[in-house]
Amino acid sequence: MAAKYFSGARVRIRDAQRGVGALSDVRRYRDQIGQIIGSTALIAFAARPWTEETSVAVHLLQVYKVRLDVGIEIDYVTEDCLEVFEQA
């Protein structure tokens, strides 16, 4: 899986329904504008209560490090929490 956003891309943090844990800072920065400064692919596993099988990778999850315009850097922002920011 290739990264959707590349270093230097301008993005806006958006409110995503999935992929944001209860302890995530991403919701706090909703609608903030920033710049991608890096990305990492993580292996995502399915955790199902009806099975003990967790050794099969479901897919790769691309996460990003974003430097917001307000000077804060946030890590592990998933693609579904980002959208391209196009200045008018």
PDB file of N, CA and C in Angstrom:
ATOM      1  N   MET A   1       0.838  -1.177   0.000  1.00  0.00           N
ATOM      2  CA  MET A   1       0.000   0.000   0.000  1.00  0.00           C
ATOM      3  C   MET A   1       0.881   1.236   0.000  1.00  0.00           C
ATOM      4  N   ALA A   2       0.718   2.086  -0.972  1.00  0.00           N
ATOM      5  CA  ALA A   2       1.494   3.310  -1.072  1.00  0.00           C
ATOM      6  C   ALA A   2       0.824   4.414  -0.258  1.00  0.00           C
ATOM      7  N   ALA A   3       1.636   5.321   0.221  1.00  0.00           N
ATOM      8  CA  ALA A   3       1.122   6.455   0.985  1.00  0.00           C
ATOM      9  C   ALA A   3       0.272   7.349   0.081  1.00  0.00           C
ATOM     10  N   LYS A   4      -0.847   7.795   0.585  1.00  0.00           N
ATOM     11  CA  LYS A   4      -1.735   8.686  -0.157  1.00  0.00           C
ATOM     12  C   LYS A   4      -1.212  10.120  -0.124  1.00  0.00           C
ATOM     13  N   TYR A   5      -0.579  10.496   0.982  1.00  0.00           N
ATOM     14  CA  TYR A   5      -0.039  11.840   1.161  1.00  0.00           C
ATOM     15  C   TYR A   5       1.485  11.754   1.293  1.00  0.00           C
ATOM     16  N   PHE A   6       2.174  12.715   0.762  1.00  0.00           N
ATOM     17  CA  PHE A   6       3.630  12.720   0.784  1.00  0.00           C
ATOM     18  C   PHE A   6       4.153  13.883   1.607  1.00  0.00           C
ATOM     19  N   SER A   7       5.399  13.785   2.037  1.00  0.00           N
ATOM     20  CA  SER A   7       6.019  14.849   2.823  1.00  0.00           C
ATOM     21  C   SER A   7       5.854  16.183   2.119  1.00  0.00           C
ATOM     22  N   GLY A   8       5.456  17.170   2.869  1.00  0.00           N
ATOM     23  CA  GLY A   8       5.251  18.504   2.330  1.00  0.00           C
ATOM     24  C   GLY A   8       3.819  18.796   1.924  1.00  0.00           C
ATOM     25  N   ALA A   9       2.977  17.767   1.820  1.00  0.00           N
ATOM     26  CA  ALA A   9       1.579  17.975   1.419  1.00  0.00           C
ATOM     27  C   ALA A   9       0.836  18.742   2.504  1.00  0.00           C
ATOM     28  N   ARG A  10      -0.003  19.677   2.095  1.00  0.00           N
ATOM     29  CA  ARG A  10      -0.841  20.443   3.010  1.00  0.00           C
ATOM     30  C   ARG A  10      -2.138  19.660   3.227  1.00  0.00           C
ATOM     31  N   VAL A  11      -2.489  19.456   4.485  1.00  0.00           N
ATOM     32  CA  VAL A  11      -3.663  18.666   4.830  1.00  0.00           C
ATOM     33  C   VAL A  11      -4.474  19.352   5.927  1.00  0.00           C
ATOM     34  N   ARG A  12      -5.722  18.934   6.024  1.00  0.00           N
ATOM     35  CA  ARG A  12      -6.611  19.366   7.105  1.00  0.00           C
ATOM     36  C   ARG A  12      -6.995  18.132   7.898  1.00  0.00           C
ATOM     37  N   ILE A  13      -6.996  18.262   9.212  1.00  0.00           N
ATOM     38  CA  ILE A  13      -7.435  17.163  10.069  1.00  0.00           C
ATOM     39  C   ILE A  13      -8.959  17.159  10.061  1.00  0.00           C
ATOM     40  N   ARG A  14      -9.540  16.016   9.764  1.00  0.00           N
ATOM     41  CA  ARG A  14     -10.999  15.927   9.752  1.00  0.00           C
ATOM     42  C   ARG A  14     -11.445  14.884  10.764  1.00  0.00           C
ATOM     43  N   ASP A  15     -12.686  14.944  11.115  1.00  0.00           N
ATOM     44  CA  ASP A  15     -13.246  14.027  12.102  1.00  0.00           C
ATOM     45  C   ASP A  15     -13.603  12.719  11.415  1.00  0.00           C
ATOM     46  N   ALA A  16     -12.908  11.668  11.756  1.00  0.00           N
ATOM     47  CA  ALA A  16     -13.159  10.359  11.154  1.00  0.00           C
ATOM     48  C   ALA A  16     -13.973   9.499  12.120  1.00  0.00           C
ATOM     49  N   GLN A  17     -14.841   8.687  11.578  1.00  0.00           N
ATOM     50  CA  GLN A  17     -15.682   7.827  12.399  1.00  0.00           C
ATOM     51  C   GLN A  17     -14.935   6.606  12.915  1.00  0.00           C
ATOM     52  N   ARG A  18     -13.998   6.116  12.127  1.00  0.00           N
ATOM     53  CA  ARG A  18     -13.262   4.924  12.567  1.00  0.00           C
ATOM     54  C   ARG A  18     -11.763   5.226  12.526  1.00  0.00           C
ATOM     55  N   GLY A  19     -11.004   4.398  13.187  1.00  0.00           N
ATOM     56  CA  GLY A  19      -9.560   4.574  13.161  1.00  0.00           C
ATOM     57  C   GLY A  19      -9.038   5.564  14.190  1.00  0.00           C
ATOM     58  N   VAL A  20      -9.938   6.111  15.005  1.00  0.00           N
ATOM     59  CA  VAL A  20      -9.519   7.050  16.031  1.00  0.00           C
ATOM     60  C   VAL A  20      -9.895   6.461  17.379  1.00  0.00           C
ATOM     61  N   GLY A  21      -8.882   6.119  18.151  1.00  0.00           N
ATOM     62  CA  GLY A  21      -9.132   5.536  19.457  1.00  0.00           C
ATOM     63  C   GLY A  21      -9.575   6.575  20.473  1.00  0.00           C
ATOM     64  N   ALA A  22     -10.103   6.108  21.582  1.00  0.00           N
ATOM     65  CA  ALA A  22     -10.597   7.003  22.629  1.00  0.00           C
ATOM     66  C   ALA A  22      -9.488   7.887  23.204  1.00  0.00           C
ATOM     67  N   LEU A  23      -8.256   7.417  23.177  1.00  0.00           N
ATOM     68  CA  LEU A  23      -7.142   8.175  23.739  1.00  0.00           C
ATOM     69  C   LEU A  23      -6.396   9.000  22.696  1.00  0.00           C
ATOM     70  N   SER A  24      -6.880   9.024  21.484  1.00  0.00           N
ATOM     71  CA  SER A  24      -6.215   9.737  20.400  1.00  0.00           C
ATOM     72  C   SER A  24      -6.392  11.247  20.536  1.00  0.00           C
ATOM     73  N   ASP A  25      -5.330  11.990  20.162  1.00  0.00           N
ATOM     74  CA  ASP A  25      -5.378  13.454  20.154  1.00  0.00           C
ATOM     75  C   ASP A  25      -5.987  14.006  18.876  1.00  0.00           C
ATOM     76  N   VAL A  26      -6.252  13.156  17.909  1.00  0.00           N
ATOM     77  CA  VAL A  26      -6.675  13.630  16.595  1.00  0.00           C
ATOM     78  C   VAL A  26      -7.966  14.439  16.679  1.00  0.00           C
ATOM     79  N   ARG A  27      -8.936  14.006  17.463  1.00  0.00           N
ATOM     80  CA  ARG A  27     -10.204  14.745  17.564  1.00  0.00           C
ATOM     81  C   ARG A  27      -9.991  16.159  18.092  1.00  0.00           C
ATOM     82  N   ARG A  28      -9.028  16.324  18.963  1.00  0.00           N
ATOM     83  CA  ARG A  28      -8.742  17.631  19.541  1.00  0.00           C
ATOM     84  C   ARG A  28      -8.294  18.633  18.483  1.00  0.00           C
ATOM     85  N   TYR A  29      -7.694  18.153  17.406  1.00  0.00           N
ATOM     86  CA  TYR A  29      -7.136  19.026  16.375  1.00  0.00           C
ATOM     87  C   TYR A  29      -7.983  19.071  15.107  1.00  0.00           C
ATOM     88  N   ARG A  30      -9.233  18.677  15.198  1.00  0.00           N
ATOM     89  CA  ARG A  30     -10.129  18.692  14.050  1.00  0.00           C
ATOM     90  C   ARG A  30     -10.180  20.090  13.424  1.00  0.00           C
ATOM     91  N   ASP A  31     -10.156  20.125  12.107  1.00  0.00           N
ATOM     92  CA  ASP A  31     -10.199  21.347  11.295  1.00  0.00           C
ATOM     93  C   ASP A  31      -8.899  22.156  11.321  1.00  0.00           C
ATOM     94  N   GLN A  32      -7.862  21.651  11.962  1.00  0.00           N
ATOM     95  CA  GLN A  32      -6.561  22.319  11.930  1.00  0.00           C
ATOM     96  C   GLN A  32      -5.867  22.002  10.604  1.00  0.00           C
ATOM     97  N   ILE A  33      -5.055  22.936  10.141  1.00  0.00           N
ATOM     98  CA  ILE A  33      -4.319  22.779   8.893  1.00  0.00           C
ATOM     99  C   ILE A  33      -2.857  22.521   9.236  1.00  0.00           C
ATOM    100  N   GLY A  34      -2.208  21.668   8.449  1.00  0.00           N
ATOM    101  CA  GLY A  34      -0.809  21.378   8.692  1.00  0.00           C
ATOM    102  C   GLY A  34      -0.137  20.782   7.476  1.00  0.00           C
ATOM    103  N   GLN A  35       1.043  20.238   7.725  1.00  0.00           N
ATOM    104  CA  GLN A  35       1.877  19.696   6.665  1.00  0.00           C
ATOM    105  C   GLN A  35       2.372  18.314   7.071  1.00  0.00           C
ATOM    106  N   ILE A  36       2.331  17.383   6.123  1.00  0.00           N
ATOM    107  CA  ILE A  36       2.851  16.036   6.358  1.00  0.00           C
ATOM    108  C   ILE A  36       4.373  16.120   6.481  1.00  0.00           C
ATOM    109  N   ILE A  37       4.921  15.527   7.544  1.00  0.00           N
ATOM    110  CA  ILE A  37       6.379  15.498   7.678  1.00  0.00           C
ATOM    111  C   ILE A  37       6.936  14.078   7.648  1.00  0.00           C
ATOM    112  N   GLY A  38       6.058  13.090   7.557  1.00  0.00           N
ATOM    113  CA  GLY A  38       6.521  11.716   7.432  1.00  0.00           C
ATOM    114  C   GLY A  38       5.368  10.739   7.488  1.00  0.00           C
ATOM    115  N   SER A  39       5.637   9.501   7.069  1.00  0.00           N
ATOM    116  CA  SER A  39       4.608   8.465   7.132  1.00  0.00           C
ATOM    117  C   SER A  39       5.258   7.106   7.374  1.00  0.00           C
ATOM    118  N   THR A  40       4.451   6.202   7.900  1.00  0.00           N
ATOM    119  CA  THR A  40       4.901   4.853   8.209  1.00  0.00           C
ATOM    120  C   THR A  40       3.768   3.883   7.906  1.00  0.00           C
ATOM    121  N   ALA A  41       4.098   2.727   7.378  1.00  0.00           N
ATOM    122  CA  ALA A  41       3.105   1.673   7.162  1.00  0.00           C
ATOM    123  C   ALA A  41       3.150   0.724   8.353  1.00  0.00           C
ATOM    124  N   LEU A  42       1.990   0.465   8.930  1.00  0.00           N
ATOM    125  CA  LEU A  42       1.871  -0.460  10.055  1.00  0.00           C
ATOM    126  C   LEU A  42       1.023  -1.644   9.632  1.00  0.00           C
ATOM    127  N   ILE A  43       1.335  -2.800  10.166  1.00  0.00           N
ATOM    128  CA  ILE A  43       0.526  -3.983   9.895  1.00  0.00           C
ATOM    129  C   ILE A  43      -0.674  -3.966  10.836  1.00  0.00           C
ATOM    130  N   ALA A  44      -1.866  -4.081  10.276  1.00  0.00           N
ATOM    131  CA  ALA A  44      -3.099  -4.080  11.073  1.00  0.00           C
ATOM    132  C   ALA A  44      -3.643  -5.503  11.160  1.00  0.00           C
ATOM    133  N   PHE A  45      -4.034  -5.908  12.328  1.00  0.00           N
ATOM    134  CA  PHE A  45      -4.598  -7.225  12.569  1.00  0.00           C
ATOM    135  C   PHE A  45      -6.050  -7.106  12.967  1.00  0.00           C
ATOM    136  N   ALA A  46      -6.846  -8.103  12.621  1.00  0.00           N
ATOM    137  CA  ALA A  46      -8.241  -8.143  13.053  1.00  0.00           C
ATOM    138  C   ALA A  46      -8.301  -8.773  14.434  1.00  0.00           C
ATOM    139  N   ALA A  47      -9.064  -8.181  15.315  1.00  0.00           N
ATOM    140  CA  ALA A  47      -9.287  -8.745  16.642  1.00  0.00           C
ATOM    141  C   ALA A  47     -10.768  -9.056  16.750  1.00  0.00           C
ATOM    142  N   ARG A  48     -11.083 -10.325  16.661  1.00  0.00           N
ATOM    143  CA  ARG A  48     -12.478 -10.747  16.695  1.00  0.00           C
ATOM    144  C   ARG A  48     -12.728 -11.571  17.950  1.00  0.00           C
ATOM    145  N   PRO A  49     -13.793 -11.302  18.649  1.00  0.00           N
ATOM    146  CA  PRO A  49     -14.049 -12.039  19.891  1.00  0.00           C
ATOM    147  C   PRO A  49     -14.385 -13.511  19.665  1.00  0.00           C
ATOM    148  N   TRP A  50     -14.770 -13.875  18.447  1.00  0.00           N
ATOM    149  CA  TRP A  50     -15.188 -15.252  18.200  1.00  0.00           C
ATOM    150  C   TRP A  50     -14.060 -16.148  17.697  1.00  0.00           C
ATOM    151  N   THR A  51     -12.855 -15.594  17.590  1.00  0.00           N
ATOM    152  CA  THR A  51     -11.749 -16.408  17.118  1.00  0.00           C
ATOM    153  C   THR A  51     -10.476 -16.105  17.891  1.00  0.00           C
ATOM    154  N   GLU A  52      -9.613 -17.083  17.968  1.00  0.00           N
ATOM    155  CA  GLU A  52      -8.325 -16.883  18.621  1.00  0.00           C
ATOM    156  C   GLU A  52      -7.227 -16.620  17.599  1.00  0.00           C
ATOM    157  N   GLU A  53      -7.575 -16.644  16.335  1.00  0.00           N
ATOM    158  CA  GLU A  53      -6.610 -16.446  15.250  1.00  0.00           C
ATOM    159  C   GLU A  53      -6.304 -14.955  15.077  1.00  0.00           C
ATOM    160  N   THR A  54      -5.075 -14.559  15.372  1.00  0.00           N
ATOM    161  CA  THR A  54      -4.669 -13.160  15.180  1.00  0.00           C
ATOM    162  C   THR A  54      -3.364 -13.060  14.407  1.00  0.00           C
ATOM    163  N   SER A  55      -2.925 -14.151  13.843  1.00  0.00           N
ATOM    164  CA  SER A  55      -1.622 -14.151  13.184  1.00  0.00           C
ATOM    165  C   SER A  55      -1.692 -13.747  11.707  1.00  0.00           C
ATOM    166  N   VAL A  56      -2.869 -13.549  11.176  1.00  0.00           N
ATOM    167  CA  VAL A  56      -3.014 -13.197   9.766  1.00  0.00           C
ATOM    168  C   VAL A  56      -3.189 -11.686   9.648  1.00  0.00           C
ATOM    169  N   ALA A  57      -2.282 -11.038   8.919  1.00  0.00           N
ATOM    170  CA  ALA A  57      -2.385  -9.599   8.738  1.00  0.00           C
ATOM    171  C   ALA A  57      -3.571  -9.265   7.847  1.00  0.00           C
ATOM    172  N   VAL A  58      -4.378  -8.334   8.250  1.00  0.00           N
ATOM    173  CA  VAL A  58      -5.537  -7.938   7.473  1.00  0.00           C
ATOM    174  C   VAL A  58      -5.104  -6.985   6.364  1.00  0.00           C
ATOM    175  N   HIS A  59      -4.363  -5.948   6.697  1.00  0.00           N
ATOM    176  CA  HIS A  59      -3.896  -4.986   5.715  1.00  0.00           C
ATOM    177  C   HIS A  59      -2.833  -4.075   6.335  1.00  0.00           C
ATOM    178  N   LEU A  60      -2.246  -3.259   5.503  1.00  0.00           N
ATOM    179  CA  LEU A  60      -1.307  -2.257   5.991  1.00  0.00           C
ATOM    180  C   LEU A  60      -2.071  -0.977   6.277  1.00  0.00           C
ATOM    181  N   LEU A  61      -1.737  -0.353   7.364  1.00  0.00           N
ATOM    182  CA  LEU A  61      -2.356   0.894   7.770  1.00  0.00           C
ATOM    183  C   LEU A  61      -1.300   1.987   7.653  1.00  0.00           C
ATOM    184  N   GLN A  62      -1.557   2.978   6.833  1.00  0.00           N
ATOM    185  CA  GLN A  62      -0.614   4.076   6.642  1.00  0.00           C
ATOM    186  C   GLN A  62      -0.918   5.155   7.677  1.00  0.00           C
ATOM    187  N   VAL A  63       0.085   5.519   8.469  1.00  0.00           N
ATOM    188  CA  VAL A  63      -0.087   6.573   9.468  1.00  0.00           C
ATOM    189  C   VAL A  63       0.911   7.687   9.185  1.00  0.00           C
ATOM    190  N   TYR A  64       0.562   8.887   9.601  1.00  0.00           N
ATOM    191  CA  TYR A  64       1.341  10.072   9.256  1.00  0.00           C
ATOM    192  C   TYR A  64       1.713  10.878  10.487  1.00  0.00           C
ATOM    193  N   LYS A  65       2.819  11.598  10.354  1.00  0.00           N
ATOM    194  CA  LYS A  65       3.207  12.598  11.341  1.00  0.00           C
ATOM    195  C   LYS A  65       2.899  13.938  10.688  1.00  0.00           C
ATOM    196  N   VAL A  66       2.141  14.787  11.391  1.00  0.00           N
ATOM    197  CA  VAL A  66       1.688  16.051  10.838  1.00  0.00           C
ATOM    198  C   VAL A  66       2.149  17.189  11.739  1.00  0.00           C
ATOM    199  N   ARG A  67       2.750  18.206  11.130  1.00  0.00           N
ATOM    200  CA  ARG A  67       3.093  19.423  11.858  1.00  0.00           C
ATOM    201  C   ARG A  67       1.999  20.444  11.553  1.00  0.00           C
ATOM    202  N   LEU A  68       1.215  20.765  12.575  1.00  0.00           N
ATOM    203  CA  LEU A  68       0.131  21.718  12.412  1.00  0.00           C
ATOM    204  C   LEU A  68       0.683  23.135  12.342  1.00  0.00           C
ATOM    205  N   ASP A  69      -0.062  24.029  11.702  1.00  0.00           N
ATOM    206  CA  ASP A  69       0.361  25.419  11.565  1.00  0.00           C
ATOM    207  C   ASP A  69       0.502  26.119  12.913  1.00  0.00           C
ATOM    208  N   VAL A  70      -0.141  25.599  13.938  1.00  0.00           N
ATOM    209  CA  VAL A  70      -0.051  26.186  15.277  1.00  0.00           C
ATOM    210  C   VAL A  70       1.213  25.732  16.011  1.00  0.00           C
ATOM    211  N   GLY A  71       2.060  24.928  15.333  1.00  0.00           N
ATOM    212  CA  GLY A  71       3.345  24.519  15.892  1.00  0.00           C
ATOM    213  C   GLY A  71       3.369  23.185  16.610  1.00  0.00           C
ATOM    214  N   ILE A  72       2.270  22.465  16.609  1.00  0.00           N
ATOM    215  CA  ILE A  72       2.176  21.174  17.290  1.00  0.00           C
ATOM    216  C   ILE A  72       2.387  20.058  16.282  1.00  0.00           C
ATOM    217  N   GLU A  73       3.122  19.017  16.673  1.00  0.00           N
ATOM    218  CA  GLU A  73       3.291  17.828  15.833  1.00  0.00           C
ATOM    219  C   GLU A  73       2.475  16.696  16.439  1.00  0.00           C
ATOM    220  N   ILE A  74       1.696  16.023  15.594  1.00  0.00           N
ATOM    221  CA  ILE A  74       0.938  14.866  16.062  1.00  0.00           C
ATOM    222  C   ILE A  74       1.340  13.644  15.233  1.00  0.00           C
ATOM    223  N   ASP A  75       1.440  12.507  15.917  1.00  0.00           N
ATOM    224  CA  ASP A  75       1.857  11.253  15.299  1.00  0.00           C
ATOM    225  C   ASP A  75       0.665  10.323  15.105  1.00  0.00           C
ATOM    226  N   TYR A  76       0.869   9.337  14.250  1.00  0.00           N
ATOM    227  CA  TYR A  76      -0.074   8.247  14.031  1.00  0.00           C
ATOM    228  C   TYR A  76      -1.457   8.736  13.612  1.00  0.00           C
ATOM    229  N   VAL A  77      -1.488   9.685  12.683  1.00  0.00           N
ATOM    230  CA  VAL A  77      -2.748  10.163  12.114  1.00  0.00           C
ATOM    231  C   VAL A  77      -3.042   9.279  10.906  1.00  0.00           C
ATOM    232  N   THR A  78      -4.188   8.615  10.900  1.00  0.00           N
ATOM    233  CA  THR A  78      -4.532   7.709   9.805  1.00  0.00           C
ATOM    234  C   THR A  78      -5.082   8.491   8.613  1.00  0.00           C
ATOM    235  N   GLU A  79      -5.043   7.856   7.442  1.00  0.00           N
ATOM    236  CA  GLU A  79      -5.488   8.513   6.213  1.00  0.00           C
ATOM    237  C   GLU A  79      -6.943   8.977   6.279  1.00  0.00           C
ATOM    238  N   ASP A  80      -7.792   8.226   6.963  1.00  0.00           N
ATOM    239  CA  ASP A  80      -9.188   8.636   7.008  1.00  0.00           C
ATOM    240  C   ASP A  80      -9.424   9.854   7.907  1.00  0.00           C
ATOM    241  N   CYS A  81      -8.387  10.322   8.592  1.00  0.00           N
ATOM    242  CA  CYS A  81      -8.479  11.538   9.404  1.00  0.00           C
ATOM    243  C   CYS A  81      -7.874  12.747   8.680  1.00  0.00           C
ATOM    244  N   LEU A  82      -7.484  12.563   7.427  1.00  0.00           N
ATOM    245  CA  LEU A  82      -6.838  13.633   6.672  1.00  0.00           C
ATOM    246  C   LEU A  82      -7.578  13.902   5.370  1.00  0.00           C
ATOM    247  N   GLU A  83      -7.462  15.130   4.914  1.00  0.00           N
ATOM    248  CA  GLU A  83      -7.921  15.476   3.568  1.00  0.00           C
ATOM    249  C   GLU A  83      -7.003  16.571   3.038  1.00  0.00           C
ATOM    250  N   VAL A  84      -6.858  16.622   1.730  1.00  0.00           N
ATOM    251  CA  VAL A  84      -6.004  17.612   1.091  1.00  0.00           C
ATOM    252  C   VAL A  84      -6.568  19.004   1.370  1.00  0.00           C
ATOM    253  N   PHE A  85      -5.683  19.913   1.740  1.00  0.00           N
ATOM    254  CA  PHE A  85      -6.089  21.289   1.949  1.00  0.00           C
ATOM    255  C   PHE A  85      -5.653  22.106   0.750  1.00  0.00           C
ATOM    256  N   GLU A  86      -6.629  22.667   0.073  1.00  0.00           N
ATOM    257  CA  GLU A  86      -6.350  23.485  -1.098  1.00  0.00           C
ATOM    258  C   GLU A  86      -6.723  24.913  -0.778  1.00  0.00           C
ATOM    259  N   GLN A  87      -5.733  25.777  -0.807  1.00  0.00           N
ATOM    260  CA  GLN A  87      -5.990  27.188  -0.529  1.00  0.00           C
ATOM    261  C   GLN A  87      -6.731  27.824  -1.696  1.00  0.00           C
ATOM    262  N   ALA A  88      -7.648  28.706  -1.367  1.00  0.00           N
ATOM    263  CA  ALA A  88      -8.457  29.367  -2.400  1.00  0.00           C
ATOM    264  C   ALA A  88      -7.695  30.485  -3.081  1.00  0.00           C
TER     265      ALA A  88
END
